[in-house]
Amino acid sequence: MKKVRVEEAIGMILAHDITEIIPGKKKEVAFPRGKRIEREDVSKLLDLGKANVYVMDNKNEGVHEDEATVRIAKALMDENMEYLPPREGRVQILSKVDGIFCVDKKGLLKVNMVENVLFSSLPDKYPVRKGDLVAACRIVPLYIKEKSLKKIENLGRKKIIRVFPYRKAKVGLVVTGSEIYNGRIEDGSVIIENKIREMGSEIVGKKLATDDVIMIRDFILELFDQGADIVVTTGGLSVDPDDVTKEGIEATGARVLFYGAPIFPGAMFLLAVYDEKYILGAPACVYYNKYTIFDIIFGRILSGEDMRNIGKKEVASFSYGGLCLSCKVCHYPVCFFGKGLR
């Protein structure tokens, strides 16, 4: 690779993508790597501020950015991801499934400590859909040393980024509240039913319960008997005197893992385990907030994460990024970098 003046580059092969940016309108490759520069290209290149360009000269200076970024992507991604062809020196990595994206933060730091390597990912425990961008990489120069890539490939053996696909669960639903049971207000649980189905699970039964501990208890147990892996209760988890959903869950003999978490909306969420199966107590906010803590916990369970021994410290850690700003781009609670989880 050598640097030459644009006017002298006619007939030579461009060694890198050249990007055109029109503020607020577009950003795209105007001249791709490998293009033979023609006389009519000179004016356009000068318009793009390129008085000089890099062209091929057949000298071995290491591994070119296109090959290097593909090797980095292949080394670090798992079988539930795929990469797009290099563009403007960058490779993007997408999820092939709906699931939870996980990242070893210490491992990711080691990757970015390798000279001239830049690798960025979504945060750990991030819900993703098929086709979502989960990571991207590039190198700083046009060429990188082979030994640097070998370091990345060795680090990649430790599974630094992974996507755990959702499993298909059988879910039972207990809608609590005397006002719904008695028909005073409409049952709005279709919102959460649709959400459960969208995440690939099946609803095996639904019960409407009044604010009665015994009825709530019996309906939960009945749904487990019908084959439910998970039972979700909705409502009745605040401090009002009529709210007895927590007592109904406890009456089944279930062990409450936590009640209350520093994530808004959804702070009064409850998670319990009954005979290796989960009970998710969703507060009433699931009826009017598009996404809440329910989406996070339900998604993590569907991805196969064992939450039966979750402790106070981990629940407290939800506080970092636990505030949903209700941004227009927000698809999940837990905001990172000023935007909601996607």
Foldseek 3Di string as FASTA:
>chain_A
DDKDFLQPQAQFFAQAFDWDDDPPPDIFTPDHGGDHDHPVCSVVCVVRVPRMGDTDDPDPPAAFLQVLQVLLCVLAEDPQKDWDRDGRSKIWIFGQAWAFKAFDVVLQVVLVVQAQKDKDADYGRFTDHGGDTGIMIGGRDRHDHPVSSVVSNVSSVVNGMYGQHFAAFEEEEEEEAQCPVVVVDDDLCVLVVVVSVVSPYHYQYYHYYYLDLQRLLVSVVVSVVSPGLEYEYEALQDPDPSRCNVSSVVVNVWAWQDAAAQAPPFRRWTWTDDPNGIYTYTHNCSSPDNATCCVSVVRCVRSVDDCNNPHPVVRHVCNQQRYAPPDPQADYGRDDPNHHRD
